[in-house]
Amino acid sequence: MSHRTSRAPAGVLLDGALAGLAGSSALDVVTYLDMTLRARPASSTPAETARRLTEAAHVPLGPEDRAANRRSALGSLLGYASGVATATAFGLLDRRRVVPVPVAAVLLGALAMVASDAPMAVLRVSDPRRWSRVDWLSDIVPHLVYGAVAATVWRRLTGAGPAGRR
């Protein structure tokens, strides 16, 4: 790993957010492809996580028919927020040392997976210890794609290494 030149924190935050959004979009595409290929339903865990968080924060979401729609939307938005926060945090780390893209991809994928799965486990929405092999693959593969895309976009935006433009 080589040393990085210092960049303005605002630029790092914006680049991290853009990389996180790109990675999150890629994660969604892979998830939707999986749902299409296996004809599996959408996961209810994001909406259930949103339900438990809004209840714990005493945030009313309106009548049940509207609340269900809001929970579904909030679950998706929480996923994007997690993806943006993960890539932005990585960007702050990468300001000091350039992490090779393959390492960054795995690191970002693992961090994003923890950021999404830990709250579900803490809130008892899901217990990863009871997941099947297929459940784990359905979680790992999209998160690794998130990591690969976020790392590549980060590198492209920051201009570090051979893929960069600066």
N, C-alpha and C. Protein backbone atom coordinates (compact mmCIF):
# COMPACT_ATOMS: atom_id res chain seq x y z
N MET A 1 0.84 -1.17 0.00
CA MET A 1 0.00 0.00 0.00
C MET A 1 0.89 1.24 0.00
N SER A 2 0.52 2.20 -0.79
CA SER A 2 1.31 3.42 -0.85
C SER A 2 0.59 4.53 -0.12
N HIS A 3 1.35 5.61 0.16
CA HIS A 3 0.74 6.75 0.83
C HIS A 3 -0.08 7.56 -0.15
N ARG A 4 -1.11 8.20 0.34
CA ARG A 4 -1.98 9.04 -0.46
C ARG A 4 -1.65 10.49 -0.21
N THR A 5 -1.96 11.32 -1.18
CA THR A 5 -1.89 12.74 -0.94
C THR A 5 -3.18 13.15 -0.25
N SER A 6 -3.11 14.20 0.51
CA SER A 6 -4.27 14.66 1.26
C SER A 6 -5.30 15.29 0.33
N ARG A 7 -6.56 14.97 0.53
CA ARG A 7 -7.66 15.56 -0.23
C ARG A 7 -8.58 16.27 0.73
N ALA A 8 -9.32 17.22 0.23
CA ALA A 8 -10.28 17.95 1.05
C ALA A 8 -11.34 16.98 1.57
N PRO A 9 -11.69 17.09 2.86
CA PRO A 9 -12.70 16.18 3.42
C PRO A 9 -14.03 16.21 2.67
N ALA A 10 -14.46 17.37 2.19
CA ALA A 10 -15.73 17.44 1.46
C ALA A 10 -15.67 16.60 0.19
N GLY A 11 -14.54 16.61 -0.50
CA GLY A 11 -14.38 15.80 -1.70
C GLY A 11 -14.40 14.32 -1.38
N VAL A 12 -13.77 13.96 -0.29
CA VAL A 12 -13.76 12.56 0.14
C VAL A 12 -15.18 12.11 0.47
N LEU A 13 -15.93 12.93 1.15
CA LEU A 13 -17.30 12.58 1.52
C LEU A 13 -18.18 12.43 0.27
N LEU A 14 -18.05 13.34 -0.67
CA LEU A 14 -18.84 13.25 -1.90
C LEU A 14 -18.45 12.03 -2.72
N ASP A 15 -17.15 11.82 -2.89
CA ASP A 15 -16.71 10.64 -3.65
C ASP A 15 -17.15 9.35 -2.98
N GLY A 16 -17.07 9.29 -1.65
CA GLY A 16 -17.53 8.11 -0.91
C GLY A 16 -19.02 7.89 -1.08
N ALA A 17 -19.79 8.97 -1.04
CA ALA A 17 -21.24 8.85 -1.22
C ALA A 17 -21.57 8.35 -2.62
N LEU A 18 -20.88 8.89 -3.64
CA LEU A 18 -21.13 8.44 -5.01
C LEU A 18 -20.74 6.97 -5.20
N ALA A 19 -19.61 6.58 -4.65
CA ALA A 19 -19.19 5.18 -4.74
C ALA A 19 -20.19 4.28 -4.02
N GLY A 20 -20.68 4.72 -2.86
CA GLY A 20 -21.67 3.94 -2.11
C GLY A 20 -22.98 3.81 -2.85
N LEU A 21 -23.41 4.88 -3.52
CA LEU A 21 -24.65 4.81 -4.30
C LEU A 21 -24.49 3.87 -5.49
N ALA A 22 -23.34 3.94 -6.15
CA ALA A 22 -23.10 3.03 -7.28
C ALA A 22 -23.08 1.58 -6.80
N GLY A 23 -22.38 1.33 -5.70
CA GLY A 23 -22.33 -0.02 -5.15
C GLY A 23 -23.70 -0.53 -4.72
N SER A 24 -24.48 0.35 -4.09
CA SER A 24 -25.82 -0.04 -3.65
C SER A 24 -26.73 -0.35 -4.83
N SER A 25 -26.60 0.43 -5.90
CA SER A 25 -27.39 0.15 -7.10
C SER A 25 -27.01 -1.20 -7.69
N ALA A 26 -25.71 -1.50 -7.73
CA ALA A 26 -25.25 -2.79 -8.24
C ALA A 26 -25.77 -3.93 -7.36
N LEU A 27 -25.75 -3.75 -6.06
CA LEU A 27 -26.28 -4.76 -5.13
C LEU A 27 -27.75 -5.02 -5.44
N ASP A 28 -28.52 -3.96 -5.66
CA ASP A 28 -29.94 -4.13 -5.98
C ASP A 28 -30.12 -4.89 -7.29
N VAL A 29 -29.33 -4.56 -8.30
CA VAL A 29 -29.45 -5.25 -9.60
C VAL A 29 -29.19 -6.75 -9.43
N VAL A 30 -28.13 -7.10 -8.72
CA VAL A 30 -27.81 -8.52 -8.50
C VAL A 30 -28.93 -9.19 -7.71
N THR A 31 -29.47 -8.51 -6.72
CA THR A 31 -30.56 -9.08 -5.93
C THR A 31 -31.79 -9.31 -6.79
N TYR A 32 -32.13 -8.32 -7.63
CA TYR A 32 -33.30 -8.48 -8.50
C TYR A 32 -33.09 -9.56 -9.55
N LEU A 33 -31.86 -9.71 -10.04
CA LEU A 33 -31.57 -10.80 -10.97
C LEU A 33 -31.76 -12.15 -10.27
N ASP A 34 -31.30 -12.26 -9.03
CA ASP A 34 -31.48 -13.48 -8.26
C ASP A 34 -32.96 -13.78 -8.07
N MET A 35 -33.73 -12.75 -7.73
CA MET A 35 -35.17 -12.93 -7.54
C MET A 35 -35.83 -13.40 -8.84
N THR A 36 -35.38 -12.85 -9.97
CA THR A 36 -35.93 -13.23 -11.27
C THR A 36 -35.57 -14.66 -11.62
N LEU A 37 -34.28 -15.01 -11.47
CA LEU A 37 -33.83 -16.35 -11.86
C LEU A 37 -34.43 -17.44 -10.99
N ARG A 38 -34.51 -17.19 -9.69
CA ARG A 38 -35.03 -18.22 -8.78
C ARG A 38 -36.50 -18.06 -8.47
N ALA A 39 -37.13 -17.02 -9.01
CA ALA A 39 -38.55 -16.73 -8.76
C ALA A 39 -38.82 -16.64 -7.26
N ARG A 40 -37.87 -16.03 -6.55
CA ARG A 40 -38.06 -15.90 -5.11
C ARG A 40 -38.67 -14.54 -4.78
N PRO A 41 -39.39 -14.47 -3.68
CA PRO A 41 -40.01 -13.19 -3.30
C PRO A 41 -38.96 -12.22 -2.74
N ALA A 42 -39.35 -10.98 -2.68
CA ALA A 42 -38.49 -9.97 -2.06
C ALA A 42 -38.37 -10.29 -0.57
N SER A 43 -37.26 -9.92 0.00
CA SER A 43 -37.05 -10.13 1.43
C SER A 43 -37.92 -9.16 2.23
N SER A 44 -38.46 -9.64 3.31
CA SER A 44 -39.25 -8.78 4.20
C SER A 44 -38.38 -8.17 5.31
N THR A 45 -37.11 -8.58 5.38
CA THR A 45 -36.27 -8.10 6.49
C THR A 45 -35.99 -6.60 6.47
N PRO A 46 -35.79 -5.95 5.31
CA PRO A 46 -35.58 -4.50 5.36
C PRO A 46 -36.79 -3.74 5.93
N ALA A 47 -38.00 -4.12 5.50
CA ALA A 47 -39.20 -3.46 6.02
C ALA A 47 -39.41 -3.76 7.49
N GLU A 48 -39.11 -4.99 7.89
CA GLU A 48 -39.25 -5.35 9.31
C GLU A 48 -38.23 -4.60 10.16
N THR A 49 -37.02 -4.44 9.64
CA THR A 49 -36.00 -3.65 10.35
C THR A 49 -36.48 -2.21 10.50
N ALA A 50 -37.03 -1.65 9.43
CA ALA A 50 -37.57 -0.29 9.49
C ALA A 50 -38.70 -0.20 10.50
N ARG A 51 -39.56 -1.22 10.53
CA ARG A 51 -40.67 -1.22 11.50
C ARG A 51 -40.14 -1.17 12.93
N ARG A 52 -39.17 -2.02 13.21
CA ARG A 52 -38.65 -2.07 14.58
C ARG A 52 -37.90 -0.79 14.96
N LEU A 53 -37.20 -0.22 14.01
CA LEU A 53 -36.49 1.04 14.29
C LEU A 53 -37.46 2.19 14.52
N THR A 54 -38.51 2.29 13.67
CA THR A 54 -39.47 3.39 13.85
C THR A 54 -40.28 3.21 15.13
N GLU A 55 -40.58 1.98 15.48
CA GLU A 55 -41.28 1.74 16.74
C GLU A 55 -40.40 2.11 17.93
N ALA A 56 -39.13 1.72 17.88
CA ALA A 56 -38.22 2.04 18.98
C ALA A 56 -38.03 3.55 19.12
N ALA A 57 -38.08 4.27 17.99
CA ALA A 57 -37.91 5.72 18.01
C ALA A 57 -39.25 6.45 18.19
N HIS A 58 -40.33 5.70 18.31
CA HIS A 58 -41.67 6.26 18.47
C HIS A 58 -42.03 7.20 17.32
N VAL A 59 -41.73 6.75 16.10
CA VAL A 59 -42.05 7.52 14.90
C VAL A 59 -43.31 6.92 14.28
N PRO A 60 -44.43 7.66 14.31
CA PRO A 60 -45.66 7.13 13.72
C PRO A 60 -45.58 7.17 12.19
N LEU A 61 -46.07 6.12 11.56
CA LEU A 61 -46.04 6.04 10.10
C LEU A 61 -47.44 6.11 9.48
N GLY A 62 -48.45 6.42 10.30
CA GLY A 62 -49.80 6.57 9.78
C GLY A 62 -50.59 5.28 9.87
N PRO A 63 -51.76 5.27 9.22
CA PRO A 63 -52.61 4.07 9.21
C PRO A 63 -51.85 2.88 8.62
N GLU A 64 -52.23 1.68 9.02
CA GLU A 64 -51.46 0.48 8.66
C GLU A 64 -51.23 0.32 7.16
N ASP A 65 -52.23 0.60 6.33
CA ASP A 65 -52.04 0.43 4.89
C ASP A 65 -50.94 1.37 4.37
N ARG A 66 -50.87 2.57 4.89
CA ARG A 66 -49.81 3.51 4.50
C ARG A 66 -48.51 3.19 5.23
N ALA A 67 -48.61 2.77 6.46
CA ALA A 67 -47.41 2.44 7.25
C ALA A 67 -46.64 1.31 6.59
N ALA A 68 -47.34 0.32 6.06
CA ALA A 68 -46.67 -0.81 5.39
C ALA A 68 -45.87 -0.32 4.19
N ASN A 69 -46.45 0.58 3.42
CA ASN A 69 -45.75 1.15 2.26
C ASN A 69 -44.54 1.97 2.72
N ARG A 70 -44.72 2.74 3.78
CA ARG A 70 -43.60 3.55 4.29
C ARG A 70 -42.48 2.66 4.83
N ARG A 71 -42.83 1.58 5.50
CA ARG A 71 -41.80 0.66 6.01
C ARG A 71 -41.02 0.04 4.86
N SER A 72 -41.71 -0.33 3.80
CA SER A 72 -41.04 -0.90 2.64
C SER A 72 -40.06 0.12 2.05
N ALA A 73 -40.50 1.35 1.89
CA ALA A 73 -39.63 2.40 1.34
C ALA A 73 -38.47 2.70 2.30
N LEU A 74 -38.77 2.78 3.58
CA LEU A 74 -37.71 3.06 4.56
C LEU A 74 -36.68 1.93 4.60
N GLY A 75 -37.13 0.70 4.44
CA GLY A 75 -36.19 -0.42 4.40
C GLY A 75 -35.21 -0.28 3.26
N SER A 76 -35.72 0.10 2.09
CA SER A 76 -34.84 0.33 0.93
C SER A 76 -33.91 1.51 1.17
N LEU A 77 -34.45 2.60 1.71
CA LEU A 77 -33.62 3.77 1.98
C LEU A 77 -32.54 3.48 3.02
N LEU A 78 -32.86 2.64 4.00
CA LEU A 78 -31.85 2.25 4.99
C LEU A 78 -30.71 1.50 4.32
N GLY A 79 -31.03 0.68 3.32
CA GLY A 79 -29.99 -0.04 2.57
C GLY A 79 -29.08 0.93 1.84
N TYR A 80 -29.66 1.94 1.20
CA TYR A 80 -28.84 2.93 0.51
C TYR A 80 -28.01 3.75 1.51
N ALA A 81 -28.61 4.10 2.63
CA ALA A 81 -27.86 4.86 3.65
C ALA A 81 -26.68 4.04 4.17
N SER A 82 -26.91 2.76 4.36
CA SER A 82 -25.84 1.87 4.82
C SER A 82 -24.73 1.80 3.78
N GLY A 83 -25.10 1.68 2.50
CA GLY A 83 -24.11 1.61 1.43
C GLY A 83 -23.31 2.89 1.30
N VAL A 84 -23.97 4.02 1.41
CA VAL A 84 -23.28 5.32 1.34
C VAL A 84 -22.36 5.48 2.53
N ALA A 85 -22.85 5.17 3.72
CA ALA A 85 -22.03 5.31 4.94
C ALA A 85 -20.81 4.40 4.89
N THR A 86 -20.98 3.19 4.39
CA THR A 86 -19.86 2.24 4.31
C THR A 86 -18.77 2.76 3.38
N ALA A 87 -19.15 3.18 2.18
CA ALA A 87 -18.15 3.66 1.21
C ALA A 87 -17.52 4.97 1.67
N THR A 88 -18.29 5.82 2.33
CA THR A 88 -17.74 7.08 2.83
C THR A 88 -16.73 6.80 3.94
N ALA A 89 -17.05 5.89 4.84
CA ALA A 89 -16.10 5.53 5.90
C ALA A 89 -14.83 4.93 5.29
N PHE A 90 -14.99 4.09 4.28
CA PHE A 90 -13.83 3.53 3.59
C PHE A 90 -13.00 4.64 2.96
N GLY A 91 -13.66 5.62 2.36
CA GLY A 91 -12.96 6.74 1.75
C GLY A 91 -12.10 7.50 2.74
N LEU A 92 -12.61 7.64 3.95
CA LEU A 92 -11.82 8.33 4.97
C LEU A 92 -10.59 7.50 5.34
N LEU A 93 -10.71 6.19 5.36
CA LEU A 93 -9.57 5.31 5.61
C LEU A 93 -8.59 5.36 4.44
N ASP A 94 -9.13 5.32 3.23
CA ASP A 94 -8.30 5.26 2.03
C ASP A 94 -7.57 6.58 1.77
N ARG A 95 -7.96 7.65 2.44
CA ARG A 95 -7.24 8.92 2.30
C ARG A 95 -5.80 8.77 2.77
N ARG A 96 -5.58 7.92 3.72
CA ARG A 96 -4.26 7.75 4.33
C ARG A 96 -3.38 6.76 3.55
N ARG A 97 -3.98 5.69 3.09
CA ARG A 97 -3.25 4.64 2.35
C ARG A 97 -4.12 4.16 1.21
N VAL A 98 -3.51 3.92 0.08
CA VAL A 98 -4.25 3.38 -1.05
C VAL A 98 -4.40 1.87 -0.84
N VAL A 99 -5.64 1.44 -0.77
CA VAL A 99 -5.94 0.02 -0.62
C VAL A 99 -6.17 -0.54 -2.03
N PRO A 100 -5.45 -1.61 -2.42
CA PRO A 100 -5.66 -2.18 -3.77
C PRO A 100 -7.13 -2.51 -4.00
N VAL A 101 -7.61 -2.31 -5.22
CA VAL A 101 -9.03 -2.50 -5.54
C VAL A 101 -9.55 -3.89 -5.12
N PRO A 102 -8.85 -5.00 -5.41
CA PRO A 102 -9.40 -6.30 -4.98
C PRO A 102 -9.57 -6.39 -3.45
N VAL A 103 -8.61 -5.85 -2.72
CA VAL A 103 -8.71 -5.85 -1.25
C VAL A 103 -9.84 -4.93 -0.82
N ALA A 104 -9.91 -3.76 -1.45
CA ALA A 104 -10.97 -2.81 -1.12
C ALA A 104 -12.35 -3.40 -1.41
N ALA A 105 -12.47 -4.15 -2.51
CA ALA A 105 -13.75 -4.75 -2.88
C ALA A 105 -14.23 -5.72 -1.80
N VAL A 106 -13.34 -6.58 -1.34
CA VAL A 106 -13.71 -7.55 -0.30
C VAL A 106 -14.00 -6.82 1.01
N LEU A 107 -13.15 -5.86 1.35
CA LEU A 107 -13.34 -5.09 2.59
C LEU A 107 -14.67 -4.35 2.57
N LEU A 108 -14.94 -3.65 1.48
CA LEU A 108 -16.20 -2.91 1.37
C LEU A 108 -17.40 -3.85 1.39
N GLY A 109 -17.31 -4.97 0.69
CA GLY A 109 -18.40 -5.94 0.70
C GLY A 109 -18.68 -6.48 2.09
N ALA A 110 -17.60 -6.81 2.81
CA ALA A 110 -17.76 -7.34 4.18
C ALA A 110 -18.32 -6.27 5.11
N LEU A 111 -17.81 -5.04 5.00
CA LEU A 111 -18.30 -3.96 5.86
C LEU A 111 -19.78 -3.67 5.58
N ALA A 112 -20.15 -3.66 4.30
CA ALA A 112 -21.56 -3.41 3.95
C ALA A 112 -22.46 -4.53 4.46
N MET A 113 -21.95 -5.74 4.40
CA MET A 113 -22.73 -6.88 4.87
C MET A 113 -22.95 -6.79 6.38
N VAL A 114 -21.91 -6.45 7.10
CA VAL A 114 -22.04 -6.27 8.56
C VAL A 114 -22.99 -5.11 8.86
N ALA A 115 -22.85 -4.01 8.10
CA ALA A 115 -23.70 -2.84 8.35
C ALA A 115 -25.18 -3.13 8.10
N SER A 116 -25.48 -4.05 7.20
CA SER A 116 -26.89 -4.38 6.96
C SER A 116 -27.37 -5.53 7.83
N ASP A 117 -26.52 -6.52 8.08
CA ASP A 117 -26.95 -7.69 8.83
C ASP A 117 -26.92 -7.50 10.35
N ALA A 118 -25.99 -6.71 10.85
CA ALA A 118 -25.89 -6.51 12.31
C ALA A 118 -27.16 -5.90 12.89
N PRO A 119 -27.70 -4.82 12.31
CA PRO A 119 -28.94 -4.28 12.88
C PRO A 119 -30.09 -5.30 12.86
N MET A 120 -30.16 -6.11 11.80
CA MET A 120 -31.22 -7.13 11.74
C MET A 120 -31.05 -8.15 12.87
N ALA A 121 -29.80 -8.50 13.16
CA ALA A 121 -29.55 -9.46 14.23
C ALA A 121 -29.83 -8.83 15.59
N VAL A 122 -29.37 -7.61 15.79
CA VAL A 122 -29.58 -6.92 17.08
C VAL A 122 -31.07 -6.72 17.34
N LEU A 123 -31.81 -6.36 16.30
CA LEU A 123 -33.25 -6.14 16.45
C LEU A 123 -34.06 -7.44 16.40
N ARG A 124 -33.36 -8.56 16.26
CA ARG A 124 -33.98 -9.89 16.18
C ARG A 124 -34.96 -10.04 15.01
N VAL A 125 -34.61 -9.37 13.91
CA VAL A 125 -35.39 -9.52 12.69
C VAL A 125 -34.99 -10.82 12.01
N SER A 126 -33.70 -11.13 12.07
CA SER A 126 -33.16 -12.33 11.45
C SER A 126 -31.96 -12.79 12.28
N ASP A 127 -31.71 -14.09 12.24
CA ASP A 127 -30.58 -14.66 12.97
C ASP A 127 -29.65 -15.34 11.97
N PRO A 128 -28.56 -14.65 11.58
CA PRO A 128 -27.63 -15.23 10.60
C PRO A 128 -27.08 -16.60 11.00
N ARG A 129 -27.08 -16.92 12.28
CA ARG A 129 -26.60 -18.23 12.71
C ARG A 129 -27.50 -19.36 12.22
N ARG A 130 -28.71 -19.03 11.85
CA ARG A 130 -29.67 -20.04 11.39
C ARG A 130 -29.87 -20.02 9.87
N TRP A 131 -29.09 -19.21 9.17
CA TRP A 131 -29.24 -19.14 7.72
C TRP A 131 -28.71 -20.40 7.05
N SER A 132 -29.34 -20.76 5.96
CA SER A 132 -28.88 -21.89 5.14
C SER A 132 -27.72 -21.42 4.25
N ARG A 133 -27.10 -22.37 3.59
CA ARG A 133 -26.03 -22.04 2.64
C ARG A 133 -26.55 -21.11 1.54
N VAL A 134 -27.75 -21.39 1.04
CA VAL A 134 -28.35 -20.55 0.00
C VAL A 134 -28.61 -19.14 0.53
N ASP A 135 -29.07 -19.05 1.78
CA ASP A 135 -29.30 -17.73 2.39
C ASP A 135 -27.99 -16.93 2.44
N TRP A 136 -26.92 -17.58 2.85
CA TRP A 136 -25.62 -16.91 2.93
C TRP A 136 -25.14 -16.46 1.55
N LEU A 137 -25.28 -17.33 0.55
CA LEU A 137 -24.88 -16.96 -0.80
C LEU A 137 -25.71 -15.79 -1.32
N SER A 138 -26.99 -15.79 -1.00
CA SER A 138 -27.88 -14.71 -1.42
C SER A 138 -27.51 -13.39 -0.76
N ASP A 139 -26.77 -13.43 0.32
CA ASP A 139 -26.32 -12.22 1.01
C ASP A 139 -24.89 -11.85 0.61
N ILE A 140 -24.03 -12.85 0.51
CA ILE A 140 -22.61 -12.59 0.22
C ILE A 140 -22.40 -12.08 -1.20
N VAL A 141 -23.00 -12.73 -2.19
CA VAL A 141 -22.74 -12.38 -3.59
C VAL A 141 -23.12 -10.92 -3.88
N PRO A 142 -24.32 -10.47 -3.54
CA PRO A 142 -24.64 -9.05 -3.81
C PRO A 142 -23.72 -8.08 -3.06
N HIS A 143 -23.32 -8.45 -1.84
CA HIS A 143 -22.43 -7.56 -1.09
C HIS A 143 -21.03 -7.52 -1.69
N LEU A 144 -20.56 -8.63 -2.24
CA LEU A 144 -19.27 -8.60 -2.93
C LEU A 144 -19.35 -7.76 -4.20
N VAL A 145 -20.48 -7.84 -4.90
CA VAL A 145 -20.67 -6.98 -6.08
C VAL A 145 -20.70 -5.52 -5.64
N TYR A 146 -21.41 -5.23 -4.55
CA TYR A 146 -21.39 -3.87 -3.99
C TYR A 146 -19.94 -3.42 -3.78
N GLY A 147 -19.16 -4.26 -3.13
CA GLY A 147 -17.78 -3.92 -2.83
C GLY A 147 -16.96 -3.67 -4.07
N ALA A 148 -17.11 -4.53 -5.08
CA ALA A 148 -16.34 -4.38 -6.32
C ALA A 148 -16.70 -3.08 -7.04
N VAL A 149 -17.99 -2.80 -7.13
CA VAL A 149 -18.41 -1.57 -7.81
C VAL A 149 -18.02 -0.34 -7.01
N ALA A 150 -18.28 -0.35 -5.70
CA ALA A 150 -17.93 0.82 -4.88
C ALA A 150 -16.42 1.08 -4.91
N ALA A 151 -15.61 0.03 -4.83
CA ALA A 151 -14.15 0.20 -4.85
C ALA A 151 -13.68 0.73 -6.20
N THR A 152 -14.26 0.23 -7.28
CA THR A 152 -13.88 0.67 -8.62
C THR A 152 -14.28 2.13 -8.85
N VAL A 153 -15.49 2.48 -8.45
CA VAL A 153 -15.94 3.87 -8.59
C VAL A 153 -15.10 4.80 -7.72
N TRP A 154 -14.83 4.38 -6.49
CA TRP A 154 -13.99 5.18 -5.60
C TRP A 154 -12.63 5.45 -6.25
N ARG A 155 -12.02 4.39 -6.76
CA ARG A 155 -10.70 4.54 -7.38
C ARG A 155 -10.78 5.45 -8.60
N ARG A 156 -11.83 5.30 -9.39
CA ARG A 156 -12.00 6.13 -10.59
C ARG A 156 -12.18 7.61 -10.21
N LEU A 157 -12.97 7.87 -9.20
CA LEU A 157 -13.22 9.25 -8.78
C LEU A 157 -12.00 9.91 -8.14
N THR A 158 -11.25 9.12 -7.39
CA THR A 158 -10.12 9.71 -6.67
C THR A 158 -8.84 9.74 -7.47
N GLY A 159 -8.80 8.97 -8.56
CA GLY A 159 -7.62 9.00 -9.41
C GLY A 159 -6.41 8.27 -8.85
N ALA A 160 -6.59 7.46 -7.85
CA ALA A 160 -5.46 6.72 -7.27
C ALA A 160 -5.28 5.41 -8.02
N GLY A 161 -4.05 5.06 -8.29
CA GLY A 161 -3.74 3.77 -8.91
C GLY A 161 -3.96 3.80 -10.41
N PRO A 162 -3.76 2.65 -11.09
CA PRO A 162 -3.80 2.57 -12.54
C PRO A 162 -5.17 2.87 -13.15
N ALA A 163 -6.27 2.63 -12.40
CA ALA A 163 -7.60 2.88 -12.95
C ALA A 163 -7.98 4.36 -12.85
N GLY A 164 -7.23 5.13 -12.09
CA GLY A 164 -7.56 6.54 -11.86
C GLY A 164 -7.21 7.41 -13.04
N ARG A 165 -7.74 8.61 -13.05
CA ARG A 165 -7.49 9.51 -14.15
C ARG A 165 -6.59 10.68 -13.78
N ARG A 166 -6.20 10.80 -12.52
CA ARG A 166 -5.35 11.93 -12.13
C ARG A 166 -3.95 11.48 -11.90
